Amino acid sequence: MKYVEQGKLNGVICITSLLELRYVLRRKKMFKEEMVNWFVEELKTHFDISLPDEGSLLLANKLQSEYPLGPFDAILLAFSISEKPSVLISRDIDLLKISSLSIKSFTPEKFVSAYF
């Protein structure tokens, strides 16, 4: 996030990731609504919000048929593959194992140590 804020990286977030994040913060982490809204607005300030196109959704369907991916993870991976050049950054180790077969994939810490 720091590198996106400093303009060293162009940050793009798929709308489905934003939806999932909002859901997790509300339902699983039990954040107060004003904190959820603040966090989402911060992301929207620094990241370009992008929509998966028809090709990405078709690829997501194919990826989900080949790998044990949830729907949001399948869409995120397909979207990331479609956005060239792209690197997928996540803390989801299971997603990273699968995504690394198709695209450069890192935890935030490994990405920073590899590129900065």
N, C-alpha and C. Protein backbone atom coordinates (compact mmCIF):
# COMPACT_ATOMS: atom_id res chain seq x y z
N MET A 1 0.83 -1.19 0.00
CA MET A 1 0.00 0.00 0.00
C MET A 1 0.87 1.25 0.00
N LYS A 2 1.94 1.19 0.78
CA LYS A 2 2.85 2.33 0.88
C LYS A 2 3.41 2.71 -0.49
N TYR A 3 3.77 1.70 -1.30
CA TYR A 3 4.36 1.97 -2.61
C TYR A 3 3.32 2.51 -3.59
N VAL A 4 2.09 2.10 -3.46
CA VAL A 4 1.02 2.66 -4.29
C VAL A 4 0.79 4.11 -3.90
N GLU A 5 0.73 4.39 -2.59
CA GLU A 5 0.54 5.77 -2.12
C GLU A 5 1.66 6.69 -2.58
N GLN A 6 2.90 6.15 -2.66
CA GLN A 6 4.04 6.95 -3.09
C GLN A 6 4.16 7.06 -4.61
N GLY A 7 3.28 6.38 -5.34
CA GLY A 7 3.31 6.43 -6.80
C GLY A 7 4.36 5.53 -7.42
N LYS A 8 4.95 4.63 -6.64
CA LYS A 8 5.96 3.71 -7.17
C LYS A 8 5.33 2.50 -7.86
N LEU A 9 4.08 2.22 -7.55
CA LEU A 9 3.33 1.12 -8.16
C LEU A 9 1.96 1.62 -8.56
N ASN A 10 1.43 1.02 -9.62
CA ASN A 10 0.05 1.29 -10.00
C ASN A 10 -0.80 0.19 -9.39
N GLY A 11 -1.67 0.54 -8.47
CA GLY A 11 -2.52 -0.44 -7.81
C GLY A 11 -3.86 -0.57 -8.49
N VAL A 12 -4.24 -1.80 -8.78
CA VAL A 12 -5.54 -2.10 -9.37
C VAL A 12 -6.20 -3.15 -8.50
N ILE A 13 -7.47 -2.95 -8.21
CA ILE A 13 -8.23 -3.93 -7.44
C ILE A 13 -9.48 -4.28 -8.22
N CYS A 14 -9.76 -5.56 -8.30
CA CYS A 14 -10.95 -6.03 -8.98
C CYS A 14 -12.16 -5.76 -8.08
N ILE A 15 -13.25 -5.34 -8.67
CA ILE A 15 -14.45 -5.00 -7.90
C ILE A 15 -14.89 -6.16 -7.02
N THR A 16 -14.72 -7.39 -7.49
CA THR A 16 -15.13 -8.54 -6.67
C THR A 16 -14.27 -8.66 -5.42
N SER A 17 -13.01 -8.26 -5.51
CA SER A 17 -12.14 -8.27 -4.32
C SER A 17 -12.60 -7.22 -3.33
N LEU A 18 -13.01 -6.09 -3.84
CA LEU A 18 -13.53 -5.04 -2.97
C LEU A 18 -14.81 -5.50 -2.26
N LEU A 19 -15.68 -6.17 -2.99
CA LEU A 19 -16.91 -6.71 -2.41
C LEU A 19 -16.60 -7.75 -1.33
N GLU A 20 -15.66 -8.63 -1.64
CA GLU A 20 -15.29 -9.67 -0.67
C GLU A 20 -14.65 -9.05 0.57
N LEU A 21 -13.80 -8.07 0.38
CA LEU A 21 -13.16 -7.40 1.50
C LEU A 21 -14.19 -6.74 2.41
N ARG A 22 -15.14 -6.05 1.82
CA ARG A 22 -16.19 -5.41 2.61
C ARG A 22 -16.96 -6.46 3.41
N TYR A 23 -17.27 -7.58 2.78
CA TYR A 23 -18.00 -8.67 3.45
C TYR A 23 -17.20 -9.22 4.64
N VAL A 24 -15.92 -9.49 4.41
CA VAL A 24 -15.07 -10.05 5.47
C VAL A 24 -14.94 -9.08 6.64
N LEU A 25 -14.73 -7.82 6.35
CA LEU A 25 -14.59 -6.84 7.43
C LEU A 25 -15.88 -6.71 8.25
N ARG A 26 -17.01 -6.77 7.57
CA ARG A 26 -18.29 -6.64 8.28
C ARG A 26 -18.66 -7.90 9.05
N ARG A 27 -18.66 -9.01 8.36
CA ARG A 27 -19.23 -10.24 8.91
C ARG A 27 -18.25 -11.07 9.71
N LYS A 28 -17.03 -11.18 9.23
CA LYS A 28 -16.08 -12.07 9.91
C LYS A 28 -15.23 -11.34 10.93
N LYS A 29 -14.82 -10.13 10.61
CA LYS A 29 -13.98 -9.36 11.53
C LYS A 29 -14.80 -8.46 12.45
N MET A 30 -16.08 -8.30 12.14
CA MET A 30 -17.01 -7.52 12.96
C MET A 30 -16.58 -6.05 13.12
N PHE A 31 -15.98 -5.48 12.07
CA PHE A 31 -15.62 -4.07 12.12
C PHE A 31 -16.89 -3.23 12.11
N LYS A 32 -16.82 -2.08 12.75
CA LYS A 32 -17.93 -1.15 12.71
C LYS A 32 -18.09 -0.59 11.30
N GLU A 33 -19.32 -0.27 10.95
CA GLU A 33 -19.62 0.18 9.58
C GLU A 33 -18.79 1.38 9.16
N GLU A 34 -18.58 2.34 10.07
CA GLU A 34 -17.78 3.52 9.68
C GLU A 34 -16.33 3.15 9.38
N MET A 35 -15.79 2.14 10.06
CA MET A 35 -14.42 1.69 9.78
C MET A 35 -14.37 0.97 8.43
N VAL A 36 -15.37 0.16 8.14
CA VAL A 36 -15.43 -0.53 6.84
C VAL A 36 -15.50 0.50 5.73
N ASN A 37 -16.38 1.48 5.87
CA ASN A 37 -16.52 2.51 4.84
C ASN A 37 -15.24 3.32 4.67
N TRP A 38 -14.59 3.65 5.77
CA TRP A 38 -13.33 4.40 5.70
C TRP A 38 -12.28 3.60 4.93
N PHE A 39 -12.15 2.32 5.26
CA PHE A 39 -11.14 1.48 4.62
C PHE A 39 -11.40 1.34 3.12
N VAL A 40 -12.66 1.10 2.76
CA VAL A 40 -13.01 0.97 1.34
C VAL A 40 -12.73 2.27 0.60
N GLU A 41 -13.07 3.40 1.20
CA GLU A 41 -12.80 4.69 0.56
C GLU A 41 -11.31 4.93 0.39
N GLU A 42 -10.50 4.52 1.38
CA GLU A 42 -9.04 4.63 1.25
C GLU A 42 -8.54 3.82 0.07
N LEU A 43 -9.02 2.61 -0.08
CA LEU A 43 -8.62 1.78 -1.22
C LEU A 43 -9.03 2.45 -2.53
N LYS A 44 -10.25 2.96 -2.59
CA LYS A 44 -10.72 3.60 -3.82
C LYS A 44 -9.92 4.85 -4.15
N THR A 45 -9.36 5.50 -3.15
CA THR A 45 -8.53 6.69 -3.36
C THR A 45 -7.20 6.33 -4.02
N HIS A 46 -6.65 5.19 -3.67
CA HIS A 46 -5.30 4.83 -4.11
C HIS A 46 -5.25 3.77 -5.21
N PHE A 47 -6.30 3.00 -5.34
CA PHE A 47 -6.31 1.92 -6.32
C PHE A 47 -7.34 2.20 -7.41
N ASP A 48 -7.00 1.81 -8.64
CA ASP A 48 -7.98 1.84 -9.71
C ASP A 48 -8.91 0.65 -9.50
N ILE A 49 -10.20 0.88 -9.56
CA ILE A 49 -11.19 -0.18 -9.44
C ILE A 49 -11.49 -0.65 -10.86
N SER A 50 -11.38 -1.94 -11.09
CA SER A 50 -11.59 -2.46 -12.43
C SER A 50 -12.63 -3.58 -12.40
N LEU A 51 -13.30 -3.73 -13.51
CA LEU A 51 -14.32 -4.77 -13.64
C LEU A 51 -13.81 -5.91 -14.51
N PRO A 52 -14.07 -7.13 -14.09
CA PRO A 52 -13.69 -8.25 -14.96
C PRO A 52 -14.59 -8.24 -16.20
N ASP A 53 -14.00 -8.47 -17.35
CA ASP A 53 -14.80 -8.51 -18.57
C ASP A 53 -15.29 -9.95 -18.81
N GLU A 54 -16.01 -10.11 -19.90
CA GLU A 54 -16.59 -11.42 -20.22
C GLU A 54 -15.50 -12.49 -20.35
N GLY A 55 -14.38 -12.13 -20.96
CA GLY A 55 -13.29 -13.09 -21.11
C GLY A 55 -12.72 -13.53 -19.77
N SER A 56 -12.60 -12.58 -18.84
CA SER A 56 -12.10 -12.93 -17.50
C SER A 56 -13.06 -13.86 -16.78
N LEU A 57 -14.35 -13.59 -16.92
CA LEU A 57 -15.34 -14.44 -16.25
C LEU A 57 -15.36 -15.85 -16.85
N LEU A 58 -15.21 -15.95 -18.16
CA LEU A 58 -15.14 -17.27 -18.79
C LEU A 58 -13.87 -18.01 -18.35
N LEU A 59 -12.76 -17.28 -18.27
CA LEU A 59 -11.52 -17.89 -17.78
C LEU A 59 -11.68 -18.30 -16.32
N ALA A 60 -12.36 -17.50 -15.51
CA ALA A 60 -12.60 -17.84 -14.10
C ALA A 60 -13.36 -19.16 -14.01
N ASN A 61 -14.34 -19.34 -14.86
CA ASN A 61 -15.10 -20.59 -14.88
C ASN A 61 -14.19 -21.77 -15.21
N LYS A 62 -13.32 -21.58 -16.19
CA LYS A 62 -12.38 -22.65 -16.58
C LYS A 62 -11.41 -22.94 -15.42
N LEU A 63 -10.87 -21.91 -14.81
CA LEU A 63 -9.93 -22.10 -13.70
C LEU A 63 -10.60 -22.81 -12.53
N GLN A 64 -11.85 -22.45 -12.24
CA GLN A 64 -12.55 -23.09 -11.13
C GLN A 64 -12.84 -24.55 -11.43
N SER A 65 -13.01 -24.90 -12.71
CA SER A 65 -13.23 -26.30 -13.05
C SER A 65 -11.95 -27.12 -12.94
N GLU A 66 -10.79 -26.45 -13.03
CA GLU A 66 -9.50 -27.14 -12.98
C GLU A 66 -8.86 -27.15 -11.60
N TYR A 67 -9.18 -26.17 -10.77
CA TYR A 67 -8.54 -26.01 -9.47
C TYR A 67 -9.60 -25.79 -8.38
N PRO A 68 -9.26 -26.10 -7.14
CA PRO A 68 -10.21 -25.89 -6.04
C PRO A 68 -10.26 -24.43 -5.59
N LEU A 69 -10.83 -23.59 -6.44
CA LEU A 69 -10.93 -22.15 -6.19
C LEU A 69 -12.36 -21.77 -5.85
N GLY A 70 -12.51 -20.87 -4.89
CA GLY A 70 -13.81 -20.28 -4.64
C GLY A 70 -14.13 -19.33 -5.77
N PRO A 71 -15.38 -18.90 -5.89
CA PRO A 71 -15.75 -18.03 -7.02
C PRO A 71 -14.99 -16.71 -7.05
N PHE A 72 -14.82 -16.05 -5.90
CA PHE A 72 -14.10 -14.78 -5.89
C PHE A 72 -12.62 -14.97 -6.23
N ASP A 73 -12.02 -16.05 -5.73
CA ASP A 73 -10.61 -16.31 -6.05
C ASP A 73 -10.44 -16.65 -7.53
N ALA A 74 -11.36 -17.39 -8.10
CA ALA A 74 -11.28 -17.72 -9.52
C ALA A 74 -11.37 -16.45 -10.37
N ILE A 75 -12.28 -15.56 -10.00
CA ILE A 75 -12.42 -14.29 -10.74
C ILE A 75 -11.16 -13.44 -10.56
N LEU A 76 -10.64 -13.36 -9.35
CA LEU A 76 -9.42 -12.58 -9.11
C LEU A 76 -8.25 -13.11 -9.93
N LEU A 77 -8.07 -14.41 -9.93
CA LEU A 77 -6.96 -14.99 -10.69
C LEU A 77 -7.14 -14.74 -12.18
N ALA A 78 -8.33 -14.98 -12.70
CA ALA A 78 -8.58 -14.74 -14.14
C ALA A 78 -8.37 -13.28 -14.49
N PHE A 79 -8.85 -12.40 -13.65
CA PHE A 79 -8.67 -10.96 -13.85
C PHE A 79 -7.19 -10.61 -13.87
N SER A 80 -6.43 -11.16 -12.93
CA SER A 80 -4.99 -10.88 -12.84
C SER A 80 -4.25 -11.40 -14.06
N ILE A 81 -4.63 -12.56 -14.54
CA ILE A 81 -4.00 -13.11 -15.74
C ILE A 81 -4.28 -12.20 -16.94
N SER A 82 -5.48 -11.66 -17.00
CA SER A 82 -5.90 -10.82 -18.13
C SER A 82 -5.24 -9.44 -18.13
N GLU A 83 -4.88 -8.94 -16.95
CA GLU A 83 -4.27 -7.61 -16.82
C GLU A 83 -2.76 -7.75 -16.96
N LYS A 84 -2.22 -7.50 -18.13
CA LYS A 84 -0.77 -7.63 -18.33
C LYS A 84 -0.12 -6.26 -18.37
N PRO A 85 1.04 -6.05 -17.81
CA PRO A 85 1.69 -6.96 -16.85
C PRO A 85 0.99 -6.88 -15.50
N SER A 86 1.02 -7.98 -14.80
CA SER A 86 0.31 -8.02 -13.53
C SER A 86 1.01 -8.97 -12.57
N VAL A 87 0.87 -8.65 -11.31
CA VAL A 87 1.36 -9.50 -10.23
C VAL A 87 0.20 -9.64 -9.25
N LEU A 88 -0.05 -10.86 -8.81
CA LEU A 88 -1.10 -11.07 -7.83
C LEU A 88 -0.46 -11.07 -6.44
N ILE A 89 -0.98 -10.23 -5.57
CA ILE A 89 -0.47 -10.12 -4.20
C ILE A 89 -1.60 -10.49 -3.25
N SER A 90 -1.33 -11.47 -2.40
CA SER A 90 -2.37 -11.97 -1.49
C SER A 90 -1.71 -12.61 -0.28
N ARG A 91 -2.46 -12.71 0.79
CA ARG A 91 -2.01 -13.45 1.96
C ARG A 91 -2.62 -14.86 1.98
N ASP A 92 -3.46 -15.16 1.00
CA ASP A 92 -4.12 -16.46 0.89
C ASP A 92 -3.14 -17.47 0.27
N ILE A 93 -2.53 -18.27 1.13
CA ILE A 93 -1.48 -19.20 0.68
C ILE A 93 -2.01 -20.21 -0.33
N ASP A 94 -3.22 -20.71 -0.13
CA ASP A 94 -3.79 -21.67 -1.09
C ASP A 94 -3.98 -21.03 -2.46
N LEU A 95 -4.47 -19.80 -2.49
CA LEU A 95 -4.62 -19.08 -3.75
C LEU A 95 -3.26 -18.86 -4.40
N LEU A 96 -2.26 -18.48 -3.62
CA LEU A 96 -0.93 -18.22 -4.18
C LEU A 96 -0.31 -19.47 -4.80
N LYS A 97 -0.53 -20.62 -4.19
CA LYS A 97 -0.01 -21.88 -4.76
C LYS A 97 -0.58 -22.12 -6.15
N ILE A 98 -1.87 -21.89 -6.29
CA ILE A 98 -2.52 -22.11 -7.60
C ILE A 98 -2.17 -20.99 -8.57
N SER A 99 -2.23 -19.75 -8.12
CA SER A 99 -1.98 -18.63 -9.03
C SER A 99 -0.55 -18.61 -9.55
N SER A 100 0.39 -19.10 -8.73
CA SER A 100 1.80 -19.08 -9.16
C SER A 100 2.05 -19.99 -10.36
N LEU A 101 1.11 -20.86 -10.68
CA LEU A 101 1.23 -21.69 -11.88
C LEU A 101 0.99 -20.89 -13.16
N SER A 102 0.34 -19.73 -13.03
CA SER A 102 -0.05 -18.93 -14.20
C SER A 102 0.51 -17.52 -14.22
N ILE A 103 0.86 -16.98 -13.06
CA ILE A 103 1.21 -15.57 -12.97
C ILE A 103 2.15 -15.37 -11.77
N LYS A 104 2.96 -14.31 -11.81
CA LYS A 104 3.79 -14.00 -10.65
C LYS A 104 2.88 -13.71 -9.47
N SER A 105 3.13 -14.39 -8.34
CA SER A 105 2.25 -14.30 -7.18
C SER A 105 3.09 -14.24 -5.91
N PHE A 106 2.74 -13.32 -5.03
CA PHE A 106 3.53 -13.10 -3.82
C PHE A 106 2.63 -12.75 -2.64
N THR A 107 3.15 -12.99 -1.44
CA THR A 107 2.59 -12.34 -0.27
C THR A 107 3.10 -10.90 -0.33
N PRO A 108 2.47 -9.98 0.38
CA PRO A 108 2.97 -8.60 0.35
C PRO A 108 4.42 -8.49 0.77
N GLU A 109 4.81 -9.24 1.79
CA GLU A 109 6.19 -9.17 2.29
C GLU A 109 7.19 -9.70 1.28
N LYS A 110 6.86 -10.81 0.62
CA LYS A 110 7.77 -11.37 -0.40
C LYS A 110 7.85 -10.47 -1.62
N PHE A 111 6.75 -9.82 -1.97
CA PHE A 111 6.76 -8.89 -3.10
C PHE A 111 7.71 -7.73 -2.81
N VAL A 112 7.59 -7.15 -1.62
CA VAL A 112 8.44 -6.01 -1.25
C VAL A 112 9.91 -6.43 -1.25
N SER A 113 10.22 -7.59 -0.69
CA SER A 113 11.63 -8.02 -0.63
C SER A 113 12.17 -8.36 -2.02
N ALA A 114 11.31 -8.80 -2.92
CA ALA A 114 11.75 -9.15 -4.29
C ALA A 114 11.94 -7.93 -5.18
N TYR A 115 11.14 -6.89 -4.97
CA TYR A 115 11.14 -5.76 -5.90
C TYR A 115 11.64 -4.45 -5.31
N PHE A 116 11.79 -4.36 -4.00
CA PHE A 116 12.20 -3.07 -3.42
C PHE A 116 13.36 -3.23 -2.48
